[in-house]
Amino acid sequence: MDISEVAKKSGMAASALRYYERKGLIRSLQAEGTRRKFSPSVLDQLALIALGQAAGFSLDEIRVMFTPNGEPNIDRAMLASKADELEQMNKRLKAMVEGLRHAAVCPAASHAACPSFQRLLRAAAAGALNHRKRQQAPRRGP
């Protein structure tokens, strides 16, 4: 398939396909003239890329989910780790939703006087500090 057909079938812009190719996420076959040609399996690769991005994986993390010939080779431990991360994020978001809903209907004259809102502020501040610490911590690698 040429790049325009892949773009049409995948719903992605040709520029995104060229970018993914430069990043090593997909690979074109031998180009005929100036148009890139792709195997039909590129659509499955693009679907996996979209799923990975929706789950919060970076493009670098997604790249290692493919063998050099484009076949999926997904590290199950990496998936479990991301699932744990998303679960923790979900818990934080649920707590935030509950706090915001409370703040919206709180009968206190001022949010500063509301114990529930103060707990929400402390939890948000602690979460922000923990997030910054995790970002600054050196990553251990192989």
Protein backbone atom coordinates (compact mmCIF):
# COMPACT_ATOMS: atom_id res chain seq x y z
CA MET A 1 0.00 0.00 0.00
CA ASP A 2 1.26 3.46 -0.69
CA ILE A 3 1.41 6.09 2.03
CA SER A 4 -1.82 7.80 0.97
CA GLU A 5 -3.74 4.53 1.21
CA VAL A 6 -2.29 3.83 4.67
CA ALA A 7 -3.17 7.37 5.73
CA LYS A 8 -6.74 6.92 4.48
CA LYS A 9 -7.24 3.49 6.06
CA SER A 10 -5.62 4.41 9.37
CA GLY A 11 -7.02 7.92 9.66
CA MET A 12 -3.50 9.26 10.26
CA ALA A 13 -1.85 12.04 8.33
CA ALA A 14 0.95 11.05 5.98
CA SER A 15 3.23 13.36 7.97
CA ALA A 16 2.52 11.28 11.10
CA LEU A 17 3.39 8.11 9.19
CA ARG A 18 6.68 9.63 8.02
CA TYR A 19 7.39 10.74 11.60
CA TYR A 20 6.69 7.23 12.94
CA GLU A 21 9.01 5.87 10.28
CA ARG A 22 11.79 8.28 11.32
CA LYS A 23 11.26 7.25 14.97
CA GLY A 24 11.64 3.58 13.98
CA LEU A 25 8.06 2.59 14.85
CA ILE A 26 7.11 1.50 11.35
CA ARG A 27 9.13 0.67 8.28
CA SER A 28 8.32 1.23 4.64
CA LEU A 29 9.10 -1.30 2.00
CA GLN A 30 11.28 -0.39 -0.92
CA ALA A 31 9.95 2.91 -2.19
CA GLU A 32 8.88 3.12 -5.79
CA GLY A 33 9.73 6.59 -7.02
CA THR A 34 8.97 9.13 -4.34
CA ARG A 35 6.02 7.39 -2.67
CA ARG A 36 6.59 5.17 0.32
CA LYS A 37 5.08 1.69 0.18
CA PHE A 38 3.99 -0.23 3.27
CA SER A 39 2.97 -3.79 4.00
CA PRO A 40 -0.70 -4.24 4.96
CA SER A 41 0.53 -5.27 8.41
CA VAL A 42 1.45 -1.63 9.06
CA LEU A 43 -2.21 -1.05 9.94
CA ASP A 44 -1.88 -3.47 12.87
CA GLN A 45 1.33 -1.73 13.92
CA LEU A 46 -0.43 1.63 13.82
CA ALA A 47 -3.29 0.24 15.89
CA LEU A 48 -0.78 -1.00 18.50
CA ILE A 49 0.93 2.41 18.48
CA ALA A 50 -2.42 4.14 19.05
CA LEU A 51 -3.30 1.73 21.86
CA GLY A 52 0.09 2.25 23.47
CA GLN A 53 -0.25 6.02 23.30
CA ALA A 54 -3.77 5.86 24.75
CA ALA A 55 -2.36 3.83 27.65
CA GLY A 56 0.30 6.48 28.25
CA PHE A 57 3.36 4.78 26.77
CA SER A 58 5.93 7.05 25.15
CA LEU A 59 6.91 6.47 21.53
CA ASP A 60 10.29 5.19 22.73
CA GLU A 61 8.51 2.65 24.96
CA ILE A 62 6.25 1.65 22.10
CA ARG A 63 9.20 1.21 19.72
CA VAL A 64 10.59 -1.62 21.86
CA MET A 65 7.24 -3.40 21.58
CA PHE A 66 8.16 -4.37 18.02
CA THR A 67 10.79 -6.71 16.66
CA PRO A 68 13.01 -5.31 13.89
CA ASN A 69 10.66 -6.85 11.31
CA GLY A 70 7.62 -5.14 12.85
CA GLU A 71 6.11 -8.06 14.75
CA PRO A 72 4.71 -7.32 18.22
CA ASN A 73 7.01 -8.39 21.05
CA ILE A 74 5.53 -6.89 24.18
CA ASP A 75 7.17 -7.18 27.57
CA ARG A 76 4.43 -8.39 29.92
CA ALA A 77 6.17 -6.91 32.95
CA MET A 78 6.10 -3.51 31.25
CA LEU A 79 2.35 -3.93 30.65
CA ALA A 80 1.77 -4.91 34.29
CA SER A 81 3.79 -1.91 35.47
CA LYS A 82 1.80 0.46 33.26
CA ALA A 83 -1.47 -1.09 34.47
CA ASP A 84 -0.37 -0.48 38.08
CA GLU A 85 0.55 3.10 37.19
CA LEU A 86 -2.83 3.69 35.55
CA GLU A 87 -4.64 2.13 38.49
CA GLN A 88 -2.88 4.52 40.89
CA MET A 89 -3.70 7.44 38.61
CA ASN A 90 -7.33 6.32 38.52
CA LYS A 91 -7.47 6.27 42.32
CA ARG A 92 -6.00 9.78 42.50
CA LEU A 93 -8.46 11.04 39.90
CA LYS A 94 -11.43 9.49 41.71
CA ALA A 95 -10.36 11.14 44.96
CA MET A 96 -9.96 14.44 43.12
CA VAL A 97 -13.43 14.14 41.58
CA GLU A 98 -14.96 13.45 44.98
CA GLY A 99 -13.12 16.41 46.50
CA LEU A 100 -14.15 18.77 43.73
CA ARG A 101 -17.77 17.64 43.91
CA HIS A 102 -17.70 18.26 47.66
CA ALA A 103 -16.11 21.68 47.19
CA ALA A 104 -18.80 22.61 44.65
CA VAL A 105 -21.61 22.03 47.17
CA CYS A 106 -19.77 22.64 50.45
CA PRO A 107 -21.92 24.64 52.88
CA ALA A 108 -18.88 26.30 54.49
CA ALA A 109 -18.73 30.06 54.03
CA SER A 110 -15.19 29.73 52.65
CA HIS A 111 -13.32 26.78 51.21
CA ALA A 112 -10.48 27.73 53.52
CA ALA A 113 -12.78 26.90 56.45
CA CYS A 114 -13.84 23.51 55.05
CA PRO A 115 -11.92 20.56 56.56
CA SER A 116 -12.70 18.36 53.55
CA PHE A 117 -11.34 20.94 51.14
CA GLN A 118 -8.22 21.39 53.27
CA ARG A 119 -7.62 17.60 53.13
CA LEU A 120 -7.99 17.79 49.35
CA LEU A 121 -5.39 20.58 49.21
CA ARG A 122 -2.94 18.64 51.39
CA ALA A 123 -3.42 15.48 49.31
CA ALA A 124 -2.90 17.44 46.08
CA ALA A 125 0.25 19.06 47.42
CA ALA A 126 1.63 15.71 48.60
CA GLY A 127 0.82 14.10 45.25
CA ALA A 128 2.52 16.92 43.35
CA LEU A 129 5.63 16.61 45.50
CA ASN A 130 5.73 12.82 45.09
CA HIS A 131 5.30 13.19 41.33
CA ARG A 132 8.20 15.67 41.14
CA LYS A 133 10.40 13.37 43.22
CA ARG A 134 9.63 10.43 40.90
CA GLN A 135 10.46 12.54 37.84
CA GLN A 136 13.76 13.69 39.32
CA ALA A 137 14.84 10.28 40.63
CA PRO A 138 17.46 8.59 38.44
CA ARG A 139 16.10 5.62 36.53
CA ARG A 140 17.66 2.26 37.06
CA GLY A 141 18.38 0.44 33.88
CA PRO A 142 20.06 -2.67 32.57
